[in-house]
Amino acid sequence: MKRHLLRTCLLGSLALLLGTTATAQSAPWPNKTVKFVNSFPPGGPSDILARSVGDVLQKRFNQPFVVENKPGAAGNVGADWVAKSAGDGLTLLWGIDTTHTINPHIYAKLPYQQNELKPLVILSSSGLLLGVHPSTGIRNAKDFLNAARSQTLNFSSGGNGSPGHLWVNMANIGAATRLVHVPYRGNSPAVLAVVSGEVQGGTLATPGMLPHVKADKITPLAVTSATRSRLAPEVPTMAELGLPDLQTEVHYVVMAPASTPEPLMQSMAAAIVKALKTPALQTRLNQLDMAYLGLTGAPAAQRLSRLYDQYGRVIRATGMKVD
């Protein structure tokens, strides 16, 4: 009798445990507030994209999606925060590929391990715009090369390890320029440094530069994308100027803690990609001069791996490091 009672209790406990586990695994996403941690300051392309996608998802799921900016150390601060978060889909990293493709090569030690994060979605890509302050007297790429080879020019970037930082090193090696890298805490302050004349120029995200180009506060010289910008079709590409080695693009990514279950990863990725395909988000991508990618799963991981190898070769050639 006692043995039968014990067996009944054990079976009951097991059923309760399995039921609880099944409920947890089948719980809808999101079931509470989702935090998008943007690893750069407010106002930059990744911040705008995070808020735009969050607005669409909030209306769809009737749950809050909030953006929290945690800039610093070229995205390492935000990346570390998310890497140490629970893999429950409630804390996701929004930023650019450099936390996984450039920073591991230039920082002696990262606060997080690369395997603590995994790609959820590669949202889009965009080129950079090479622009200078009008007071430099530089009006085209030929002027720029002549000036940058005969004297030092201070060039701002969104921080150590940012695409602009990489581009300065690419130019110094590939075009024999004498550019001096000046890091700022994000794309927005780096652009304002060009506008104010605090630096002579910068190679920065196109959307942040264009309002000042249109106001004649920045002189545009070239874009680093493979094709001309839809927002500034009159500006030539690096390849058109005979500088194909200075071509580069930024990838905008969403990362999740590595402990996030794969079924949850798939659900979140599908929701974000669906949001990106709405007319409102497609318009926003065009306004940000971004090309839609929507890569998830293995293709996303493979793209980041390829960029990691590609940038690693450039960084080793230039000796680019951060103390």
C-alpha atoms as a PDB file:
ATOM      1  CA  MET A   1       0.000   0.000   0.000  1.00  0.00           C
ATOM      2  CA  LYS A   2       2.790   2.396   0.946  1.00  0.00           C
ATOM      3  CA  ARG A   3       4.680   1.521  -2.249  1.00  0.00           C
ATOM      4  CA  HIS A   4       1.590   2.271  -4.348  1.00  0.00           C
ATOM      5  CA  LEU A   5       1.082   5.611  -2.558  1.00  0.00           C
ATOM      6  CA  LEU A   6       4.737   6.565  -3.093  1.00  0.00           C
ATOM      7  CA  ARG A   7       4.486   5.710  -6.789  1.00  0.00           C
ATOM      8  CA  THR A   8       1.318   7.780  -7.137  1.00  0.00           C
ATOM      9  CA  CYS A   9       2.997  10.801  -5.497  1.00  0.00           C
ATOM     10  CA  LEU A  10       6.079  10.496  -7.710  1.00  0.00           C
ATOM     11  CA  LEU A  11       3.989  10.258 -10.863  1.00  0.00           C
ATOM     12  CA  GLY A  12       1.955  13.247  -9.765  1.00  0.00           C
ATOM     13  CA  SER A  13       5.073  15.318  -9.099  1.00  0.00           C
ATOM     14  CA  LEU A  14       6.536  14.315 -12.459  1.00  0.00           C
ATOM     15  CA  ALA A  15       3.337  15.313 -14.255  1.00  0.00           C
ATOM     16  CA  LEU A  16       3.320  18.666 -12.484  1.00  0.00           C
ATOM     17  CA  LEU A  17       6.968  19.263 -13.378  1.00  0.00           C
ATOM     18  CA  LEU A  18       6.397  18.358 -17.034  1.00  0.00           C
ATOM     19  CA  GLY A  19       3.334  20.546 -17.153  1.00  0.00           C
ATOM     20  CA  THR A  20       5.239  23.484 -15.701  1.00  0.00           C
ATOM     21  CA  THR A  21       8.099  22.972 -18.168  1.00  0.00           C
ATOM     22  CA  ALA A  22       5.713  22.737 -21.115  1.00  0.00           C
ATOM     23  CA  THR A  23       3.961  25.922 -19.992  1.00  0.00           C
ATOM     24  CA  ALA A  24       7.274  27.756 -19.706  1.00  0.00           C
ATOM     25  CA  GLN A  25       8.405  26.575 -23.141  1.00  0.00           C
ATOM     26  CA  SER A  26       5.097  27.471 -24.762  1.00  0.00           C
ATOM     27  CA  ALA A  27       4.773  30.861 -23.061  1.00  0.00           C
ATOM     28  CA  PRO A  28       4.223  33.497 -25.748  1.00  0.00           C
ATOM     29  CA  TRP A  29       6.882  36.057 -26.569  1.00  0.00           C
ATOM     30  CA  PRO A  30       6.778  38.674 -25.281  1.00  0.00           C
ATOM     31  CA  ASN A  31       4.863  38.216 -22.044  1.00  0.00           C
ATOM     32  CA  LYS A  32       6.330  41.326 -20.397  1.00  0.00           C
ATOM     33  CA  THR A  33       8.469  44.370 -21.224  1.00  0.00           C
ATOM     34  CA  VAL A  34      11.277  43.769 -23.749  1.00  0.00           C
ATOM     35  CA  LYS A  35      14.434  45.854 -23.434  1.00  0.00           C
ATOM     36  CA  PHE A  36      16.409  46.749 -26.551  1.00  0.00           C
ATOM     37  CA  VAL A  37      19.917  47.676 -25.376  1.00  0.00           C
ATOM     38  CA  ASN A  38      21.454  49.984 -27.975  1.00  0.00           C
ATOM     39  CA  SER A  39      25.223  49.977 -27.632  1.00  0.00           C
ATOM     40  CA  PHE A  40      25.586  53.523 -29.008  1.00  0.00           C
ATOM     41  CA  PRO A  41      24.217  56.953 -27.993  1.00  0.00           C
ATOM     42  CA  PRO A  42      20.708  58.157 -28.887  1.00  0.00           C
ATOM     43  CA  GLY A  43      20.141  59.619 -32.332  1.00  0.00           C
ATOM     44  CA  GLY A  44      22.405  57.301 -34.318  1.00  0.00           C
ATOM     45  CA  PRO A  45      21.197  54.844 -36.991  1.00  0.00           C
ATOM     46  CA  SER A  46      21.078  51.797 -34.681  1.00  0.00           C
ATOM     47  CA  ASP A  47      19.106  53.775 -32.091  1.00  0.00           C
ATOM     48  CA  ILE A  48      16.597  55.011 -34.678  1.00  0.00           C
ATOM     49  CA  LEU A  49      16.217  51.495 -36.084  1.00  0.00           C
ATOM     50  CA  ALA A  50      15.682  49.954 -32.631  1.00  0.00           C
ATOM     51  CA  ARG A  51      12.980  52.482 -31.766  1.00  0.00           C
ATOM     52  CA  SER A  52      11.266  52.072 -35.136  1.00  0.00           C
ATOM     53  CA  VAL A  53      11.119  48.273 -34.878  1.00  0.00           C
ATOM     54  CA  GLY A  54      10.097  48.519 -31.217  1.00  0.00           C
ATOM     55  CA  ASP A  55       7.126  50.717 -32.130  1.00  0.00           C
ATOM     56  CA  VAL A  56       5.872  48.159 -34.668  1.00  0.00           C
ATOM     57  CA  LEU A  57       6.312  45.232 -32.270  1.00  0.00           C
ATOM     58  CA  GLN A  58       4.658  47.077 -29.396  1.00  0.00           C
ATOM     59  CA  LYS A  59       1.519  47.657 -31.478  1.00  0.00           C
ATOM     60  CA  ARG A  60       1.512  44.049 -32.657  1.00  0.00           C
ATOM     61  CA  PHE A  61       2.031  42.352 -29.295  1.00  0.00           C
ATOM     62  CA  ASN A  62       0.527  44.967 -26.963  1.00  0.00           C
ATOM     63  CA  GLN A  63       3.615  44.750 -24.758  1.00  0.00           C
ATOM     64  CA  PRO A  64       6.140  47.516 -24.021  1.00  0.00           C
ATOM     65  CA  PHE A  65       9.367  47.591 -26.040  1.00  0.00           C
ATOM     66  CA  VAL A  66      11.838  50.072 -24.555  1.00  0.00           C
ATOM     67  CA  VAL A  67      15.228  51.208 -25.844  1.00  0.00           C
ATOM     68  CA  GLU A  68      17.999  51.700 -23.313  1.00  0.00           C
ATOM     69  CA  ASN A  69      21.241  53.262 -24.539  1.00  0.00           C
ATOM     70  CA  LYS A  70      24.447  51.881 -23.049  1.00  0.00           C
ATOM     71  CA  PRO A  71      27.276  53.420 -25.108  1.00  0.00           C
ATOM     72  CA  GLY A  72      30.954  53.060 -24.454  1.00  0.00           C
ATOM     73  CA  ALA A  73      34.104  51.248 -25.588  1.00  0.00           C
ATOM     74  CA  ALA A  74      32.919  50.926 -29.207  1.00  0.00           C
ATOM     75  CA  GLY A  75      29.838  48.975 -28.224  1.00  0.00           C
ATOM     76  CA  ASN A  76      31.554  46.724 -25.669  1.00  0.00           C
ATOM     77  CA  VAL A  77      29.612  48.166 -22.712  1.00  0.00           C
ATOM     78  CA  GLY A  78      26.209  47.354 -24.192  1.00  0.00           C
ATOM     79  CA  ALA A  79      27.399  44.000 -25.529  1.00  0.00           C
ATOM     80  CA  ASP A  80      28.680  42.976 -22.107  1.00  0.00           C
ATOM     81  CA  TRP A  81      25.405  43.994 -20.462  1.00  0.00           C
ATOM     82  CA  VAL A  82      23.368  41.777 -22.782  1.00  0.00           C
ATOM     83  CA  ALA A  83      25.896  38.923 -22.719  1.00  0.00           C
ATOM     84  CA  LYS A  84      25.421  38.694 -18.935  1.00  0.00           C
ATOM     85  CA  SER A  85      21.594  38.866 -19.181  1.00  0.00           C
ATOM     86  CA  ALA A  86      19.158  35.956 -18.989  1.00  0.00           C
ATOM     87  CA  GLY A  87      18.330  34.209 -22.257  1.00  0.00           C
ATOM     88  CA  ASP A  88      14.614  34.810 -21.874  1.00  0.00           C
ATOM     89  CA  GLY A  89      14.098  37.091 -24.883  1.00  0.00           C
ATOM     90  CA  LEU A  90      13.543  40.146 -22.705  1.00  0.00           C
ATOM     91  CA  THR A  91      16.980  41.755 -23.217  1.00  0.00           C
ATOM     92  CA  LEU A  92      18.419  42.050 -26.732  1.00  0.00           C
ATOM     93  CA  LEU A  93      21.461  43.887 -28.087  1.00  0.00           C
ATOM     94  CA  TRP A  94      20.996  46.386 -30.925  1.00  0.00           C
ATOM     95  CA  GLY A  95      24.073  47.757 -32.615  1.00  0.00           C
ATOM     96  CA  ILE A  96      26.482  47.073 -35.431  1.00  0.00           C
ATOM     97  CA  ASP A  97      28.626  44.117 -36.395  1.00  0.00           C
ATOM     98  CA  THR A  98      31.856  45.590 -34.994  1.00  0.00           C
ATOM     99  CA  THR A  99      31.385  44.129 -31.504  1.00  0.00           C
ATOM    100  CA  HIS A 100      31.964  40.730 -33.109  1.00  0.00           C
ATOM    101  CA  THR A 101      33.993  41.539 -36.235  1.00  0.00           C
ATOM    102  CA  ILE A 102      36.415  44.317 -35.267  1.00  0.00           C
ATOM    103  CA  ASN A 103      36.613  44.655 -31.477  1.00  0.00           C
ATOM    104  CA  PRO A 104      37.954  41.125 -30.869  1.00  0.00           C
ATOM    105  CA  HIS A 105      40.939  42.002 -33.059  1.00  0.00           C
ATOM    106  CA  ILE A 106      41.816  45.382 -31.534  1.00  0.00           C
ATOM    107  CA  TYR A 107      41.075  45.010 -27.820  1.00  0.00           C
ATOM    108  CA  ALA A 108      43.577  43.008 -25.786  1.00  0.00           C
ATOM    109  CA  LYS A 109      40.684  41.786 -23.629  1.00  0.00           C
ATOM    110  CA  LEU A 110      36.929  42.104 -24.066  1.00  0.00           C
ATOM    111  CA  PRO A 111      34.604  42.264 -21.023  1.00  0.00           C
ATOM    112  CA  TYR A 112      32.512  39.512 -22.617  1.00  0.00           C
ATOM    113  CA  GLN A 113      33.285  36.310 -24.489  1.00  0.00           C
ATOM    114  CA  GLN A 114      32.211  36.184 -28.127  1.00  0.00           C
ATOM    115  CA  ASN A 115      30.362  32.930 -27.501  1.00  0.00           C
ATOM    116  CA  GLU A 116      28.197  34.646 -24.864  1.00  0.00           C
ATOM    117  CA  LEU A 117      26.198  36.274 -27.665  1.00  0.00           C
ATOM    118  CA  LYS A 118      24.683  34.890 -30.845  1.00  0.00           C
ATOM    119  CA  PRO A 119      23.169  36.700 -33.847  1.00  0.00           C
ATOM    120  CA  LEU A 120      19.397  36.981 -33.911  1.00  0.00           C
ATOM    121  CA  VAL A 121      18.980  39.092 -37.062  1.00  0.00           C
ATOM    122  CA  ILE A 122      21.303  41.009 -39.367  1.00  0.00           C
ATOM    123  CA  LEU A 123      18.805  43.731 -40.164  1.00  0.00           C
ATOM    124  CA  SER A 124      20.435  45.807 -42.877  1.00  0.00           C
ATOM    125  CA  SER A 125      23.648  47.310 -44.208  1.00  0.00           C
ATOM    126  CA  SER A 126      24.775  50.741 -45.308  1.00  0.00           C
ATOM    127  CA  GLY A 127      27.871  52.520 -46.495  1.00  0.00           C
ATOM    128  CA  LEU A 128      29.639  55.487 -44.928  1.00  0.00           C
ATOM    129  CA  LEU A 129      29.977  58.988 -46.302  1.00  0.00           C
ATOM    130  CA  LEU A 130      33.382  60.661 -46.541  1.00  0.00           C
ATOM    131  CA  GLY A 131      32.878  64.336 -45.761  1.00  0.00           C
ATOM    132  CA  VAL A 132      34.984  67.332 -44.718  1.00  0.00           C
ATOM    133  CA  HIS A 133      34.433  70.738 -43.194  1.00  0.00           C
ATOM    134  CA  PRO A 134      34.101  73.465 -45.879  1.00  0.00           C
ATOM    135  CA  SER A 135      36.947  75.461 -44.300  1.00  0.00           C
ATOM    136  CA  THR A 136      39.424  72.817 -45.522  1.00  0.00           C
ATOM    137  CA  GLY A 137      38.910  74.030 -49.089  1.00  0.00           C
ATOM    138  CA  ILE A 138      38.620  70.380 -50.190  1.00  0.00           C
ATOM    139  CA  ARG A 139      35.945  70.041 -52.868  1.00  0.00           C
ATOM    140  CA  ASN A 140      36.460  66.565 -54.334  1.00  0.00           C
ATOM    141  CA  ALA A 141      38.281  63.285 -53.822  1.00  0.00           C
ATOM    142  CA  LYS A 142      41.357  64.438 -55.723  1.00  0.00           C
ATOM    143  CA  ASP A 143      41.678  67.472 -53.451  1.00  0.00           C
ATOM    144  CA  PHE A 144      41.230  65.204 -50.455  1.00  0.00           C
ATOM    145  CA  LEU A 145      43.980  62.795 -51.483  1.00  0.00           C
ATOM    146  CA  ASN A 146      46.392  65.639 -52.222  1.00  0.00           C
ATOM    147  CA  ALA A 147      45.700  67.262 -48.853  1.00  0.00           C
ATOM    148  CA  ALA A 148      45.676  64.044 -46.831  1.00  0.00           C
ATOM    149  CA  ARG A 149      48.986  62.910 -48.334  1.00  0.00           C
ATOM    150  CA  SER A 150      50.788  66.197 -47.793  1.00  0.00           C
ATOM    151  CA  GLN A 151      49.557  67.005 -44.280  1.00  0.00           C
ATOM    152  CA  THR A 152      47.809  65.408 -41.329  1.00  0.00           C
ATOM    153  CA  LEU A 153      44.025  65.701 -41.177  1.00  0.00           C
ATOM    154  CA  ASN A 154      42.037  64.901 -38.033  1.00  0.00           C
ATOM    155  CA  PHE A 155      39.160  62.518 -38.770  1.00  0.00           C
ATOM    156  CA  SER A 156      36.412  61.736 -36.275  1.00  0.00           C
ATOM    157  CA  SER A 157      34.775  58.354 -35.764  1.00  0.00           C
ATOM    158  CA  GLY A 158      32.052  56.899 -33.577  1.00  0.00           C
ATOM    159  CA  GLY A 159      34.696  55.393 -31.292  1.00  0.00           C
ATOM    160  CA  ASN A 160      37.665  53.061 -31.178  1.00  0.00           C
ATOM    161  CA  GLY A 161      36.840  50.028 -33.267  1.00  0.00           C
ATOM    162  CA  SER A 162      34.026  51.756 -35.142  1.00  0.00           C
ATOM    163  CA  PRO A 163      33.703  51.530 -38.945  1.00  0.00           C
ATOM    164  CA  GLY A 164      35.079  55.064 -39.251  1.00  0.00           C
ATOM    165  CA  HIS A 165      38.144  54.084 -37.233  1.00  0.00           C
ATOM    166  CA  LEU A 166      38.727  51.087 -39.481  1.00  0.00           C
ATOM    167  CA  TRP A 167      38.307  53.247 -42.580  1.00  0.00           C
ATOM    168  CA  VAL A 168      40.950  55.741 -41.412  1.00  0.00           C
ATOM    169  CA  ASN A 169      43.438  52.884 -41.129  1.00  0.00           C
ATOM    170  CA  MET A 170      42.381  51.470 -44.495  1.00  0.00           C
ATOM    171  CA  ALA A 171      42.976  54.887 -46.107  1.00  0.00           C
ATOM    172  CA  ASN A 172      46.369  55.360 -44.444  1.00  0.00           C
ATOM    173  CA  ILE A 173      47.527  51.983 -45.751  1.00  0.00           C
ATOM    174  CA  GLY A 174      45.658  51.746 -49.063  1.00  0.00           C
ATOM    175  CA  ALA A 175      45.851  55.395 -50.173  1.00  0.00           C
ATOM    176  CA  ALA A 176      48.984  56.576 -48.331  1.00  0.00           C
ATOM    177  CA  THR A 177      47.052  59.267 -46.445  1.00  0.00           C
ATOM    178  CA  ARG A 178      48.099  60.795 -43.126  1.00  0.00           C
ATOM    179  CA  LEU A 179      44.768  60.804 -41.337  1.00  0.00           C
ATOM    180  CA  VAL A 180      44.712  61.045 -37.541  1.00  0.00           C
ATOM    181  CA  HIS A 181      41.893  59.150 -35.851  1.00  0.00           C
ATOM    182  CA  VAL A 182      39.862  61.074 -33.239  1.00  0.00           C
ATOM    183  CA  PRO A 183      37.284  58.843 -31.471  1.00  0.00           C
ATOM    184  CA  TYR A 184      33.930  60.086 -30.136  1.00  0.00           C
ATOM    185  CA  ARG A 185      31.149  58.345 -28.237  1.00  0.00           C
ATOM    186  CA  GLY A 186      28.956  57.470 -31.203  1.00  0.00           C
ATOM    187  CA  ASN A 187      28.150  58.597 -34.729  1.00  0.00           C
ATOM    188  CA  SER A 188      26.126  61.691 -33.744  1.00  0.00           C
ATOM    189  CA  PRO A 189      28.875  63.463 -31.743  1.00  0.00           C
ATOM    190  CA  ALA A 190      31.420  62.450 -34.402  1.00  0.00           C
ATOM    191  CA  VAL A 191      29.312  64.167 -37.083  1.00  0.00           C
ATOM    192  CA  LEU A 192      28.916  67.293 -34.932  1.00  0.00           C
ATOM    193  CA  ALA A 193      32.696  67.413 -34.560  1.00  0.00           C
ATOM    194  CA  VAL A 194      32.964  67.746 -38.355  1.00  0.00           C
ATOM    195  CA  VAL A 195      30.179  70.365 -38.473  1.00  0.00           C
ATOM    196  CA  SER A 196      31.851  72.502 -35.802  1.00  0.00           C
ATOM    197  CA  GLY A 197      35.278  72.252 -37.422  1.00  0.00           C
ATOM    198  CA  GLU A 198      36.686  70.520 -34.355  1.00  0.00           C
ATOM    199  CA  VAL A 199      38.049  67.959 -36.823  1.00  0.00           C
ATOM    200  CA  GLN A 200      38.683  68.348 -40.550  1.00  0.00           C
ATOM    201  CA  GLY A 201      36.494  65.444 -41.606  1.00  0.00           C
ATOM    202  CA  GLY A 202      35.055  62.014 -40.997  1.00  0.00           C
ATOM    203  CA  THR A 203      33.840  58.880 -42.726  1.00  0.00           C
ATOM    204  CA  LEU A 204      30.568  58.285 -40.929  1.00  0.00           C
ATOM    205  CA  ALA A 205      27.048  56.898 -41.309  1.00  0.00           C
ATOM    206  CA  THR A 206      25.406  58.682 -44.231  1.00  0.00           C
ATOM    207  CA  PRO A 207      22.038  59.586 -42.591  1.00  0.00           C
ATOM    208  CA  GLY A 208      23.760  61.560 -39.835  1.00  0.00           C
ATOM    209  CA  MET A 209      25.882  63.465 -42.350  1.00  0.00           C
ATOM    210  CA  LEU A 210      23.246  64.344 -44.968  1.00  0.00           C
ATOM    211  CA  PRO A 211      21.293  67.068 -43.121  1.00  0.00           C
ATOM    212  CA  HIS A 212      24.558  68.953 -42.696  1.00  0.00           C
ATOM    213  CA  VAL A 213      25.553  68.271 -46.308  1.00  0.00           C
ATOM    214  CA  LYS A 214      22.286  69.831 -47.453  1.00  0.00           C
ATOM    215  CA  ALA A 215      22.935  72.814 -45.176  1.00  0.00           C
ATOM    216  CA  ASP A 216      26.408  73.234 -46.754  1.00  0.00           C
ATOM    217  CA  LYS A 217      28.091  72.561 -43.409  1.00  0.00           C
ATOM    218  CA  ILE A 218      29.807  69.394 -44.664  1.00  0.00           C
ATOM    219  CA  THR A 219      31.288  68.846 -48.118  1.00  0.00           C
ATOM    220  CA  PRO A 220      30.559  65.286 -49.356  1.00  0.00           C
ATOM    221  CA  LEU A 221      33.334  63.533 -51.288  1.00  0.00           C
ATOM    222  CA  ALA A 222      32.466  59.826 -51.634  1.00  0.00           C
ATOM    223  CA  VAL A 223      30.507  56.901 -50.217  1.00  0.00           C
ATOM    224  CA  THR A 224      32.049  53.609 -49.172  1.00  0.00           C
ATOM    225  CA  SER A 225      29.175  51.378 -50.348  1.00  0.00           C
ATOM    226  CA  ALA A 226      29.293  49.248 -53.482  1.00  0.00           C
ATOM    227  CA  THR A 227      26.613  51.412 -55.103  1.00  0.00           C
ATOM    228  CA  ARG A 228      25.736  55.089 -54.821  1.00  0.00           C
ATOM    229  CA  SER A 229      23.550  56.248 -51.959  1.00  0.00           C
ATOM    230  CA  ARG A 230      19.844  56.624 -52.723  1.00  0.00           C
ATOM    231  CA  LEU A 231      19.853  59.693 -50.520  1.00  0.00           C
ATOM    232  CA  ALA A 232      22.848  61.318 -52.220  1.00  0.00           C
ATOM    233  CA  PRO A 233      23.019  59.841 -55.743  1.00  0.00           C
ATOM    234  CA  GLU A 234      25.322  62.619 -56.915  1.00  0.00           C
ATOM    235  CA  VAL A 235      28.142  61.448 -54.605  1.00  0.00           C
ATOM    236  CA  PRO A 236      30.477  58.876 -56.255  1.00  0.00           C
ATOM    237  CA  THR A 237      31.559  55.560 -54.757  1.00  0.00           C
ATOM    238  CA  MET A 238      35.115  54.770 -53.759  1.00  0.00           C
ATOM    239  CA  ALA A 239      35.357  52.304 -56.616  1.00  0.00           C
ATOM    240  CA  GLU A 240      34.302  54.970 -59.111  1.00  0.00           C
ATOM    241  CA  LEU A 241      37.139  57.138 -57.814  1.00  0.00           C
ATOM    242  CA  GLY A 242      39.646  54.345 -58.373  1.00  0.00           C
ATOM    243  CA  LEU A 243      39.812  53.395 -54.676  1.00  0.00           C
ATOM    244  CA  PRO A 244      38.015  50.015 -54.471  1.00  0.00           C
ATOM    245  CA  ASP A 245      40.101  48.924 -51.477  1.00  0.00           C
ATOM    246  CA  LEU A 246      38.455  51.678 -49.410  1.00  0.00           C
ATOM    247  CA  GLN A 247      34.986  50.209 -49.897  1.00  0.00           C
ATOM    248  CA  THR A 248      33.248  49.026 -46.721  1.00  0.00           C
ATOM    249  CA  GLU A 249      29.743  48.682 -45.289  1.00  0.00           C
ATOM    250  CA  VAL A 250      28.215  48.647 -41.807  1.00  0.00           C
ATOM    251  CA  HIS A 251      25.923  45.794 -40.790  1.00  0.00           C
ATOM    252  CA  TYR A 252      23.176  46.526 -38.271  1.00  0.00           C
ATOM    253  CA  VAL A 253      22.567  43.545 -36.011  1.00  0.00           C
ATOM    254  CA  VAL A 254      20.455  42.245 -33.159  1.00  0.00           C
ATOM    255  CA  MET A 255      22.183  39.818 -30.791  1.00  0.00           C
ATOM    256  CA  ALA A 256      20.787  37.645 -28.005  1.00  0.00           C
ATOM    257  CA  PRO A 257      22.408  35.983 -24.978  1.00  0.00           C
ATOM    258  CA  ALA A 258      23.830  32.624 -26.002  1.00  0.00           C
ATOM    259  CA  SER A 259      21.626  30.843 -23.460  1.00  0.00           C
ATOM    260  CA  THR A 260      18.463  31.801 -25.386  1.00  0.00           C
ATOM    261  CA  PRO A 261      16.631  28.625 -26.519  1.00  0.00           C
ATOM    262  CA  GLU A 262      16.535  28.058 -30.261  1.00  0.00           C
ATOM    263  CA  PRO A 263      12.704  27.978 -30.527  1.00  0.00           C
ATOM    264  CA  LEU A 264      12.576  31.384 -28.847  1.00  0.00           C
ATOM    265  CA  MET A 265      15.334  32.662 -31.161  1.00  0.00           C
ATOM    266  CA  GLN A 266      13.287  31.601 -34.172  1.00  0.00           C
ATOM    267  CA  SER A 267      10.105  33.237 -32.854  1.00  0.00           C
ATOM    268  CA  MET A 268      11.843  36.543 -32.116  1.00  0.00           C
ATOM    269  CA  ALA A 269      13.714  36.578 -35.420  1.00  0.00           C
ATOM    270  CA  ALA A 270      10.501  35.931 -37.341  1.00  0.00           C
ATOM    271  CA  ALA A 271       8.744  38.767 -35.509  1.00  0.00           C
ATOM    272  CA  ILE A 272      11.546  41.255 -36.166  1.00  0.00           C
ATOM    273  CA  VAL A 273      11.856  40.288 -39.835  1.00  0.00           C
ATOM    274  CA  LYS A 274       8.087  40.622 -40.238  1.00  0.00           C
ATOM    275  CA  ALA A 275       8.267  44.095 -38.701  1.00  0.00           C
ATOM    276  CA  LEU A 276      11.109  45.065 -41.050  1.00  0.00           C
ATOM    277  CA  LYS A 277       8.999  44.105 -44.049  1.00  0.00           C
ATOM    278  CA  THR A 278       6.133  46.460 -43.181  1.00  0.00           C
ATOM    279  CA  PRO A 279       5.815  49.518 -45.467  1.00  0.00           C
ATOM    280  CA  ALA A 280       6.604  51.860 -42.564  1.00  0.00           C
ATOM    281  CA  LEU A 281       9.883  50.087 -41.787  1.00  0.00           C
ATOM    282  CA  GLN A 282      10.858  49.778 -45.439  1.00  0.00           C
ATOM    283  CA  THR A 283      10.394  53.545 -45.725  1.00  0.00           C
ATOM    284  CA  ARG A 284      12.478  54.033 -42.581  1.00  0.00           C
ATOM    285  CA  LEU A 285      15.278  51.867 -43.997  1.00  0.00           C
ATOM    286  CA  ASN A 286      15.299  53.990 -47.146  1.00  0.00           C
ATOM    287  CA  GLN A 287      15.444  57.156 -45.035  1.00  0.00           C
ATOM    288  CA  LEU A 288      18.431  55.705 -43.178  1.00  0.00           C
ATOM    289  CA  ASP A 289      20.087  54.775 -46.487  1.00  0.00           C
ATOM    290  CA  MET A 290      20.055  51.114 -45.519  1.00  0.00           C
ATOM    291  CA  ALA A 291      19.686  48.007 -47.668  1.00  0.00           C
ATOM    292  CA  TYR A 292      17.362  45.402 -46.118  1.00  0.00           C
ATOM    293  CA  LEU A 293      19.035  42.059 -45.360  1.00  0.00           C
ATOM    294  CA  GLY A 294      16.921  40.173 -42.806  1.00  0.00           C
ATOM    295  CA  LEU A 295      19.508  37.416 -42.285  1.00  0.00           C
ATOM    296  CA  THR A 296      18.843  34.931 -39.476  1.00  0.00           C
ATOM    297  CA  GLY A 297      20.236  31.617 -38.262  1.00  0.00           C
ATOM    298  CA  ALA A 298      23.202  30.094 -40.083  1.00  0.00           C
ATOM    299  CA  PRO A 299      23.357  32.761 -42.860  1.00  0.00           C
ATOM    300  CA  ALA A 300      23.659  35.499 -40.211  1.00  0.00           C
ATOM    301  CA  ALA A 301      26.406  33.639 -38.357  1.00  0.00           C
ATOM    302  CA  GLN A 302      28.264  32.980 -41.615  1.00  0.00           C
ATOM    303  CA  ARG A 303      28.118  36.652 -42.637  1.00  0.00           C
ATOM    304  CA  LEU A 304      29.610  37.770 -39.298  1.00  0.00           C
ATOM    305  CA  SER A 305      32.301  35.088 -39.539  1.00  0.00           C
ATOM    306  CA  ARG A 306      33.268  36.273 -43.025  1.00  0.00           C
ATOM    307  CA  LEU A 307      33.468  39.903 -41.858  1.00  0.00           C
ATOM    308  CA  TYR A 308      35.526  38.849 -38.828  1.00  0.00           C
ATOM    309  CA  ASP A 309      38.107  37.224 -41.115  1.00  0.00           C
ATOM    310  CA  GLN A 310      38.058  40.111 -43.621  1.00  0.00           C
ATOM    311  CA  TYR A 311      38.540  42.836 -41.015  1.00  0.00           C
ATOM    312  CA  GLY A 312      41.119  40.761 -39.195  1.00  0.00           C
ATOM    313  CA  ARG A 313      43.365  40.835 -42.265  1.00  0.00           C
ATOM    314  CA  VAL A 314      43.027  44.644 -42.514  1.00  0.00           C
ATOM    315  CA  ILE A 315      43.684  45.175 -38.810  1.00  0.00           C
ATOM    316  CA  ARG A 316      46.759  42.965 -38.791  1.00  0.00           C
ATOM    317  CA  ALA A 317      48.107  44.848 -41.791  1.00  0.00           C
ATOM    318  CA  THR A 318      47.560  48.242 -40.159  1.00  0.00           C
ATOM    319  CA  GLY A 319      48.560  47.284 -36.623  1.00  0.00           C
ATOM    320  CA  MET A 320      45.330  48.898 -35.379  1.00  0.00           C
ATOM    321  CA  LYS A 321      44.994  48.435 -31.596  1.00  0.00           C
ATOM    322  CA  VAL A 322      43.215  49.984 -28.619  1.00  0.00           C
ATOM    323  CA  ASP A 323      45.032  50.316 -25.299  1.00  0.00           C
END
